[in-house]
Amino acid sequence: MDIHKVESDNFTVEDVIQAHLHDLAIQERFGVIQRKYWVNEKDKMVFCLMEGPNKEACHKTHSESHGMTACNIIEVSDDEYNIFMSRGSTQKEDLAYTADGDIDTGFRTIMLISTSDFSGNYLHYVKEARRLIDKFHGKIVRQPNNDETMASFLLASDAIIAAMAIAKLLQTIPDNFEYRLALVSGNPVDEKGVDLFEETKKRVRTLCWIGLSKVVYMDAITEALSQKESNTPKVNHANVKIVNTSDLLFCEKLSKILNSELNNADFKSDNLGQLLNLSKAQTYRKIKSLTGMSPNTLIRELRLRKSLKALKSNQQTVAEIAYELGFNSPTYFTRVFRNRYEVLPTSFARLNAI
């Protein structure tokens, strides 16, 4: 699958249709079969799905037929295509359309749910959340464990409705359970990268990683897409955080810094502000507005979130985990962990060893 970014000011869908016809006329010479294509007329982008012996053959087909060469070409498995691109999409002469008859831009909304069960009693809620994803036309991406669920939606409105239903469900759990939920929409192929929806998946992980628990985080593109769809949902902004493009880029930078510095016991908010090129006051206001936490609280929170994965793996002692994540002592780590999650680290580790 490839991505074309068109520079012409006169770009139209008809131009793409004609280019596709030129591809069909010569594709056999390169052993290539054009399967389907998506057109984002507003952003002047085209995505083509092809079968071919290699990337070079696909590139030569476009280059020789009309000269509109791809910015990037990636390999896509049948499973990936079926999860992210096929559901709800129809086609006419290879051009993709939505079920409503609109041209399918190729955009998809990716949902990520991250859960932490501190009692072992709430797995059935996670299963019910996945049932809701299916109910609202989402497609679950295979996950290695029960802590994370990723899903793809053709319509942003369906993704938002599903997110609201899942949040309502999970908020009924009385205690010893936390969740984070994020939605991000984006292109199937990026100008750089090798994976389908690579940047979109990175961004939804970023929002899920640094976001406040029990709040739905959503990028502004998802909200804008939903407003153009027939089933536009009403968003309760009391429980939803809309993140614009510049703030999402800031979150990515913040996440990258924190992931590299969390094991440093001397790393504090002052250091974070310096790396962000912000004053102490600016750092506090920016992080507080996006995460609901002060910088130092966020640093401690992310260390604790990392400790959950380490404890589940049961490959290190509590002391080893504490020092590795920048806590000054195992005793301090245990106290902070218990205050935050109302369970001892050793108890959480034993629960997940069962």
Protein backbone atom coordinates (compact mmCIF):
# COMPACT_ATOMS: atom_id res chain seq x y z
CA MET A 1 0.00 0.00 0.00
CA ASP A 2 1.31 3.47 -0.80
CA ILE A 3 0.71 7.15 -0.19
CA HIS A 4 0.78 9.94 -2.78
CA LYS A 5 0.84 13.59 -1.72
CA VAL A 6 -0.23 15.78 -4.63
CA GLU A 7 1.18 19.29 -4.98
CA SER A 8 -1.12 20.54 -7.75
CA ASP A 9 -3.69 23.18 -6.81
CA ASN A 10 -6.11 21.67 -9.34
CA PHE A 11 -6.26 18.22 -7.73
CA THR A 12 -9.58 16.40 -8.22
CA VAL A 13 -10.94 12.89 -7.77
CA GLU A 14 -11.39 12.69 -11.56
CA ASP A 15 -7.63 13.21 -11.98
CA VAL A 16 -7.00 10.22 -9.71
CA ILE A 17 -9.50 8.07 -11.61
CA GLN A 18 -7.72 8.82 -14.87
CA ALA A 19 -4.32 8.08 -13.32
CA HIS A 20 -5.69 4.76 -12.04
CA LEU A 21 -6.87 3.85 -15.55
CA HIS A 22 -3.34 4.50 -16.84
CA ASP A 23 -2.01 2.18 -14.12
CA LEU A 24 -4.42 -0.56 -15.19
CA ALA A 25 -3.27 -0.25 -18.81
CA ILE A 26 0.37 -1.10 -18.04
CA GLN A 27 0.33 -2.98 -14.73
CA GLU A 28 0.78 -6.43 -16.31
CA ARG A 29 4.20 -5.41 -17.61
CA PHE A 30 5.41 -5.17 -14.02
CA GLY A 31 3.44 -8.09 -12.57
CA VAL A 32 1.29 -5.70 -10.53
CA ILE A 33 -2.47 -5.77 -9.86
CA GLN A 34 -4.19 -2.56 -8.68
CA ARG A 35 -6.77 -3.64 -6.07
CA LYS A 36 -8.28 -0.53 -4.55
CA TYR A 37 -7.57 3.13 -3.87
CA TRP A 38 -8.71 5.81 -1.45
CA VAL A 39 -8.82 9.56 -2.17
CA ASN A 40 -8.59 12.34 0.40
CA GLU A 41 -9.43 15.30 -1.84
CA LYS A 42 -9.26 17.90 0.95
CA ASP A 43 -5.70 17.00 1.99
CA LYS A 44 -4.61 16.02 -1.55
CA MET A 45 -3.64 12.47 -0.66
CA VAL A 46 -4.18 9.14 -2.43
CA PHE A 47 -3.62 5.64 -1.02
CA CYS A 48 -3.32 2.64 -3.35
CA LEU A 49 -3.57 -1.05 -2.50
CA MET A 50 -1.64 -3.27 -4.91
CA GLU A 51 -0.38 -6.78 -5.35
CA GLY A 52 3.09 -7.04 -6.78
CA PRO A 53 6.38 -8.94 -6.60
CA ASN A 54 8.11 -6.10 -4.72
CA LYS A 55 7.93 -2.40 -3.91
CA GLU A 56 10.03 -1.47 -6.92
CA ALA A 57 7.54 -3.01 -9.35
CA CYS A 58 4.70 -1.05 -7.73
CA HIS A 59 6.76 2.13 -7.91
CA LYS A 60 7.61 1.61 -11.60
CA THR A 61 3.95 1.07 -12.50
CA HIS A 62 2.99 4.51 -11.16
CA SER A 63 6.12 6.16 -12.49
CA GLU A 64 5.69 4.96 -16.05
CA SER A 65 1.90 5.30 -16.31
CA HIS A 66 1.46 8.86 -15.06
CA GLY A 67 4.54 9.97 -13.10
CA MET A 68 2.66 10.41 -9.81
CA THR A 69 5.11 8.35 -7.78
CA ALA A 70 4.50 7.31 -4.19
CA CYS A 71 6.04 9.08 -1.19
CA ASN A 72 6.19 5.76 0.65
CA ILE A 73 5.22 2.13 0.01
CA ILE A 74 4.66 -0.43 2.78
CA GLU A 75 3.84 -4.12 2.87
CA VAL A 76 0.37 -4.98 4.19
CA SER A 77 -0.83 -8.43 5.23
CA ASP A 78 -4.35 -9.69 4.55
CA ASP A 79 -5.05 -9.62 8.30
CA GLU A 80 -4.00 -5.98 8.60
CA TYR A 81 -6.08 -4.99 5.61
CA ASN A 82 -9.17 -6.77 6.93
CA ILE A 83 -8.81 -5.19 10.38
CA PHE A 84 -8.14 -1.62 9.31
CA MET A 85 -9.42 -1.05 5.80
CA SER A 86 -12.07 -3.48 4.59
CA ARG A 87 -14.88 -3.20 7.13
CA GLY A 88 -17.77 -1.04 5.94
CA SER A 89 -15.95 0.06 2.80
CA THR A 90 -17.31 -0.57 -0.69
CA GLN A 91 -15.79 0.17 -4.07
CA LYS A 92 -16.76 1.15 -7.59
CA GLU A 93 -14.16 0.56 -10.29
CA ASP A 94 -11.57 0.17 -7.51
CA LEU A 95 -12.33 3.56 -5.86
CA ALA A 96 -13.26 3.14 -2.19
CA TYR A 97 -16.54 4.45 -0.79
CA THR A 98 -18.15 4.41 2.64
CA ALA A 99 -21.39 2.54 3.23
CA ASP A 100 -23.19 5.92 2.97
CA GLY A 101 -21.93 6.38 -0.57
CA ASP A 102 -19.28 9.01 0.20
CA ILE A 103 -15.74 8.66 -1.10
CA ASP A 104 -13.68 6.87 1.56
CA THR A 105 -10.68 9.07 2.45
CA GLY A 106 -8.75 6.17 3.98
CA PHE A 107 -8.85 7.80 7.42
CA ARG A 108 -9.56 5.43 10.29
CA THR A 109 -10.07 6.10 13.98
CA ILE A 110 -7.93 3.98 16.28
CA MET A 111 -9.05 3.30 19.85
CA LEU A 112 -6.78 2.13 22.63
CA ILE A 113 -7.97 1.02 26.07
CA SER A 114 -5.43 0.31 28.81
CA THR A 115 -6.76 -1.34 31.97
CA SER A 116 -5.34 -2.27 35.37
CA ASP A 117 -7.24 -4.71 37.57
CA PHE A 118 -5.91 -4.74 41.15
CA SER A 119 -8.26 -7.42 42.46
CA GLY A 120 -8.52 -9.90 39.57
CA ASN A 121 -12.31 -9.69 39.71
CA TYR A 122 -13.10 -7.55 36.68
CA LEU A 123 -11.97 -9.39 33.57
CA HIS A 124 -15.62 -9.72 32.50
CA TYR A 125 -15.80 -5.93 32.20
CA VAL A 126 -12.94 -5.98 29.70
CA LYS A 127 -14.77 -8.66 27.71
CA GLU A 128 -17.93 -6.52 27.77
CA ALA A 129 -15.95 -3.50 26.55
CA ARG A 130 -14.75 -5.57 23.59
CA ARG A 131 -18.33 -6.59 22.89
CA LEU A 132 -19.26 -2.91 22.75
CA ILE A 133 -16.49 -2.31 20.22
CA ASP A 134 -18.05 -4.94 17.98
CA LYS A 135 -21.55 -3.56 18.57
CA PHE A 136 -20.49 -0.14 17.30
CA HIS A 137 -18.75 -1.51 14.20
CA GLY A 138 -15.18 -1.57 15.45
CA LYS A 139 -12.62 -4.20 14.59
CA ILE A 140 -10.32 -5.39 17.38
CA VAL A 141 -6.60 -5.62 16.67
CA ARG A 142 -5.01 -8.71 18.14
CA GLN A 143 -3.52 -7.98 21.53
CA PRO A 144 -0.94 -10.03 23.47
CA ASN A 145 -2.72 -9.64 26.84
CA ASN A 146 -5.87 -8.45 28.59
CA ASP A 147 -4.35 -5.11 29.67
CA GLU A 148 -4.69 -3.41 26.32
CA THR A 149 -7.35 -3.44 23.64
CA MET A 150 -6.83 -1.67 20.31
CA ALA A 151 -9.57 -1.33 17.72
CA SER A 152 -10.11 0.31 14.33
CA PHE A 153 -13.25 2.16 13.24
CA LEU A 154 -14.26 3.26 9.76
CA LEU A 155 -16.36 6.10 11.19
CA ALA A 156 -15.10 8.48 13.87
CA SER A 157 -18.66 8.84 15.16
CA ASP A 158 -18.88 5.09 15.81
CA ALA A 159 -15.57 5.20 17.67
CA ILE A 160 -16.74 8.07 19.88
CA ILE A 161 -20.09 6.40 20.64
CA ALA A 162 -18.25 3.19 21.53
CA ALA A 163 -15.79 5.11 23.72
CA MET A 164 -18.61 6.81 25.60
CA ALA A 165 -20.36 3.47 26.16
CA ILE A 166 -17.16 1.79 27.34
CA ALA A 167 -16.32 4.67 29.69
CA LYS A 168 -19.81 4.52 31.17
CA LEU A 169 -19.43 0.77 31.68
CA LEU A 170 -15.99 0.90 33.28
CA GLN A 171 -16.94 3.79 35.56
CA THR A 172 -19.45 1.51 37.28
CA ILE A 173 -16.63 -0.64 38.69
CA PRO A 174 -16.47 0.32 42.39
CA ASP A 175 -12.77 0.10 43.15
CA ASN A 176 -9.43 -1.61 42.46
CA PHE A 177 -9.72 -0.98 38.73
CA GLU A 178 -8.39 1.75 36.46
CA TYR A 179 -8.61 2.45 32.77
CA ARG A 180 -7.30 4.92 30.23
CA LEU A 181 -8.93 5.36 26.84
CA ALA A 182 -7.82 7.34 23.78
CA LEU A 183 -8.97 7.91 20.19
CA VAL A 184 -6.81 9.18 17.32
CA SER A 185 -7.60 9.35 13.59
CA GLY A 186 -5.09 9.26 10.76
CA ASN A 187 -3.81 7.99 7.44
CA PRO A 188 -3.25 4.31 6.61
CA VAL A 189 0.22 5.06 5.22
CA ASP A 190 2.57 7.80 6.43
CA GLU A 191 5.30 9.53 4.45
CA LYS A 192 7.80 7.61 6.58
CA GLY A 193 7.51 4.27 8.32
CA VAL A 194 6.81 0.65 7.47
CA ASP A 195 3.61 -0.19 9.33
CA LEU A 196 -0.07 0.43 8.59
CA PHE A 197 -1.33 3.43 10.61
CA GLU A 198 2.10 3.65 12.21
CA GLU A 199 1.94 7.31 13.30
CA THR A 200 -1.70 7.04 14.35
CA LYS A 201 -0.96 4.06 16.58
CA LYS A 202 2.02 5.86 18.12
CA ARG A 203 -0.13 8.89 18.90
CA VAL A 204 -2.98 6.95 20.44
CA ARG A 205 -0.44 5.14 22.62
CA THR A 206 1.02 8.48 23.66
CA LEU A 207 -2.37 9.84 24.77
CA CYS A 208 -3.20 6.60 26.56
CA TRP A 209 0.20 6.56 28.24
CA ILE A 210 0.26 10.10 29.67
CA GLY A 211 -3.48 10.75 29.93
CA LEU A 212 -5.43 11.02 33.15
CA SER A 213 -7.17 7.84 34.28
CA LYS A 214 -10.92 7.56 33.64
CA VAL A 215 -10.90 10.36 31.06
CA VAL A 216 -11.39 9.78 27.32
CA TYR A 217 -8.67 11.50 25.29
CA MET A 218 -9.49 12.34 21.68
CA ASP A 219 -7.54 14.21 19.02
CA ALA A 220 -9.27 17.16 17.34
CA ILE A 221 -9.25 15.38 13.97
CA THR A 222 -11.50 12.64 15.36
CA GLU A 223 -13.99 15.18 16.65
CA ALA A 224 -13.94 17.09 13.33
CA LEU A 225 -14.50 13.91 11.31
CA SER A 226 -17.44 12.88 13.49
CA GLN A 227 -19.17 16.22 12.92
CA LYS A 228 -19.28 15.53 9.18
CA GLU A 229 -20.88 12.10 9.61
CA SER A 230 -24.59 11.35 9.70
CA ASN A 231 -24.52 9.85 13.20
CA THR A 232 -22.71 12.73 14.94
CA PRO A 233 -22.49 11.92 18.67
CA LYS A 234 -22.97 14.36 21.51
CA VAL A 235 -19.73 14.56 23.46
CA ASN A 236 -19.80 15.13 27.20
CA HIS A 237 -16.76 17.37 27.57
CA ALA A 238 -16.75 16.86 31.33
CA ASN A 239 -15.32 13.36 30.74
CA VAL A 240 -13.55 13.97 27.41
CA LYS A 241 -10.32 15.79 26.65
CA ILE A 242 -9.98 17.11 23.09
CA VAL A 243 -6.33 17.44 22.09
CA ASN A 244 -5.49 19.72 19.17
CA THR A 245 -2.63 19.05 16.75
CA SER A 246 -0.06 21.27 18.46
CA ASP A 247 -0.87 19.81 21.88
CA LEU A 248 -0.63 16.29 20.47
CA LEU A 249 2.85 17.08 19.15
CA PHE A 250 3.74 18.44 22.59
CA CYS A 251 2.45 15.22 24.19
CA GLU A 252 4.66 13.18 21.86
CA LYS A 253 7.71 15.24 22.81
CA LEU A 254 6.80 15.01 26.50
CA SER A 255 6.33 11.25 26.31
CA LYS A 256 9.67 10.74 24.55
CA ILE A 257 11.51 12.75 27.21
CA LEU A 258 9.82 11.02 30.13
CA ASN A 259 10.35 7.52 28.74
CA SER A 260 14.08 8.20 28.51
CA GLU A 261 14.41 9.84 31.93
CA LEU A 262 12.12 7.91 34.29
CA ASN A 263 14.92 5.64 35.49
CA ASN A 264 16.90 8.69 36.65
CA ALA A 265 16.19 9.19 40.36
CA ASP A 266 17.38 12.81 40.18
CA PHE A 267 15.02 13.73 37.35
CA LYS A 268 12.50 16.35 38.52
CA SER A 269 10.11 18.88 37.01
CA ASP A 270 12.88 21.50 36.71
CA ASN A 271 14.82 19.15 34.43
CA LEU A 272 11.68 18.47 32.42
CA GLY A 273 11.06 22.18 31.85
CA GLN A 274 14.61 22.64 30.59
CA LEU A 275 14.25 19.78 28.09
CA LEU A 276 10.93 21.22 26.91
CA ASN A 277 12.45 24.72 26.62
CA LEU A 278 9.75 26.09 28.92
CA SER A 279 9.85 28.06 32.15
CA LYS A 280 8.79 26.37 35.37
CA ALA A 281 5.42 28.14 35.25
CA GLN A 282 4.86 27.31 31.58
CA THR A 283 5.75 23.67 32.18
CA TYR A 284 3.30 23.42 35.05
CA ARG A 285 0.41 25.09 33.18
CA LYS A 286 0.92 23.09 29.99
CA ILE A 287 1.20 19.68 31.64
CA LYS A 288 -1.60 20.39 34.12
CA SER A 289 -3.97 21.41 31.30
CA LEU A 290 -3.26 18.27 29.28
CA THR A 291 -2.91 15.60 31.95
CA GLY A 292 -4.67 17.02 35.00
CA MET A 293 -1.45 16.46 36.95
CA SER A 294 1.46 18.63 38.04
CA PRO A 295 4.81 17.76 36.38
CA ASN A 296 6.17 15.99 39.47
CA THR A 297 2.91 14.08 39.94
CA LEU A 298 3.00 13.03 36.29
CA ILE A 299 6.59 11.80 36.64
CA ARG A 300 5.65 9.72 39.69
CA GLU A 301 2.48 8.46 37.99
CA LEU A 302 4.31 7.25 34.90
CA ARG A 303 6.93 5.51 37.02
CA LEU A 304 4.10 3.69 38.77
CA ARG A 305 2.43 2.79 35.46
CA LYS A 306 5.71 1.32 34.24
CA SER A 307 6.03 -0.61 37.49
CA LEU A 308 2.70 -2.36 36.79
CA LYS A 309 4.09 -3.97 33.64
CA ALA A 310 7.31 -4.90 35.39
CA LEU A 311 5.46 -6.49 38.32
CA LYS A 312 3.22 -8.46 35.95
CA SER A 313 6.21 -9.96 34.17
CA ASN A 314 7.45 -11.41 37.50
CA GLN A 315 11.02 -11.28 36.23
CA GLN A 316 12.38 -8.79 38.78
CA THR A 317 12.15 -8.25 42.49
CA VAL A 318 10.28 -5.25 43.92
CA ALA A 319 13.62 -3.71 44.89
CA GLU A 320 15.02 -4.10 41.38
CA ILE A 321 11.92 -2.50 39.87
CA ALA A 322 12.00 0.37 42.37
CA TYR A 323 15.62 1.30 41.65
CA GLU A 324 15.24 0.80 37.89
CA LEU A 325 12.34 3.26 37.77
CA GLY A 326 14.08 6.00 39.72
CA PHE A 327 12.60 5.50 43.19
CA ASN A 328 15.05 6.26 45.97
CA SER A 329 14.30 3.06 47.89
CA PRO A 330 12.07 -0.03 47.74
CA THR A 331 10.36 1.15 50.93
CA TYR A 332 9.43 4.49 49.37
CA PHE A 333 8.25 2.77 46.19
CA THR A 334 6.06 0.38 48.20
CA ARG A 335 4.51 3.24 50.15
CA VAL A 336 3.78 5.30 47.02
CA PHE A 337 2.43 2.25 45.19
CA ARG A 338 0.08 1.33 48.05
CA ASN A 339 -1.15 4.91 48.43
CA ARG A 340 -1.88 5.10 44.73
CA TYR A 341 -3.40 1.67 44.07
CA GLU A 342 -4.50 0.51 47.55
CA VAL A 343 -2.57 -2.73 47.19
CA LEU A 344 1.03 -3.76 47.86
CA PRO A 345 3.37 -4.30 44.89
CA THR A 346 4.02 -7.87 46.07
CA SER A 347 0.26 -8.59 46.20
CA PHE A 348 -0.20 -7.23 42.69
CA ALA A 349 2.69 -9.37 41.44
CA ARG A 350 1.23 -12.52 43.09
CA LEU A 351 -2.20 -11.78 41.59
CA ASN A 352 -0.74 -11.75 38.10
CA ALA A 353 1.40 -14.83 38.72
CA ILE A 354 -1.72 -16.95 39.16
